[in-house]
């Protein structure tokens, strides 16, 4: 799950260290500075890392902020690292929004691109996180506190995919709202209204998932096979069982023994669909599908949008509804 701190980032660090300042900035829970209303006549600069963080920030900020996404459409966020230009954006940001687990480079980048006035929103802050097993690439179902570290002993890592739960997504929206209010209290009412309006949409999305995936009236089975373990929070929220081929990061390679276990499970449970995702090579999912005579379909982890999805005007809620439709179809086969 950890991303390497590359040579490009080291060079970028050298650039930003020439600039004045120290410290990586305030968290959204810290008191606002005395001049926190200084943005009432100009737009805030919000820098967010990857798609869900960008989308939630834009929904809450509305017209009062310029929201810049660091990781471009089509890029896999687990492997991405910032350039010198990206580091400059991070340094200049009034608010920096990130997941806290996906971006292995973020803590070093924030320290290396200092800005005392910058407010940092870590989406996982204060959440109870699920644990995954890095070695076996299988989710354990145990939980851990986000404040207790990002990687545990014995190969266990914490699952970052909180945005897959519309319920947890509402908490991220609230954290972004609070940061915007702290940075720009003059427009606090608008930020509250925007957050309330978007969270109402997320609440409706949650209701659709609960109705669509209900075991009595919605689906015949509970287990679904995915290319990597991106859907643990969704599965837990709606009483499903995720059976991942790879681990929490899509670049993890499953062992032959684990592949054999997946094939055995799929045959025993008469699985007819193996899910793959748009930003990762689907070869492993296709191999298992071929082995058991199943088909493949997309279950989008929403780690980033493809160029085609952007052109279609798809967004978080639209893609989540597509995921719901795909799950309902597969779980009723």
Foldseek 3Di string as FASTA:
>chain_A
DAEDCDPQNVVLLVVLLVDDAFDLEAALPDAFDPCLAVLVPDAFEEEEEFALQQVLLCLLCPPRHDYHYQDAFLDQQLHDDDGSVVLQSSLRGQEYEYQQASHNCPVVSSRSSDDHNHYYYHLLAQPWFFKQAQPQQGGDRDIHGPVPDQADPPRIGTARLQVLQLVSSLVSSVSSLSSSCSNHVVCNVSSVVSSVVVNVVSVVLLVCLQVQLPCPPHFPAAEAEEAHDLCPNVSVSRVHHYHYLGHSRNVGHHDPVSLVVVLVVCQVVVQQEHEYEDSDDCVSSVVSCVVNVHYYDYQYSRRRHHPVCVVVVDGDSNSSVVNSVVVSVRRHD
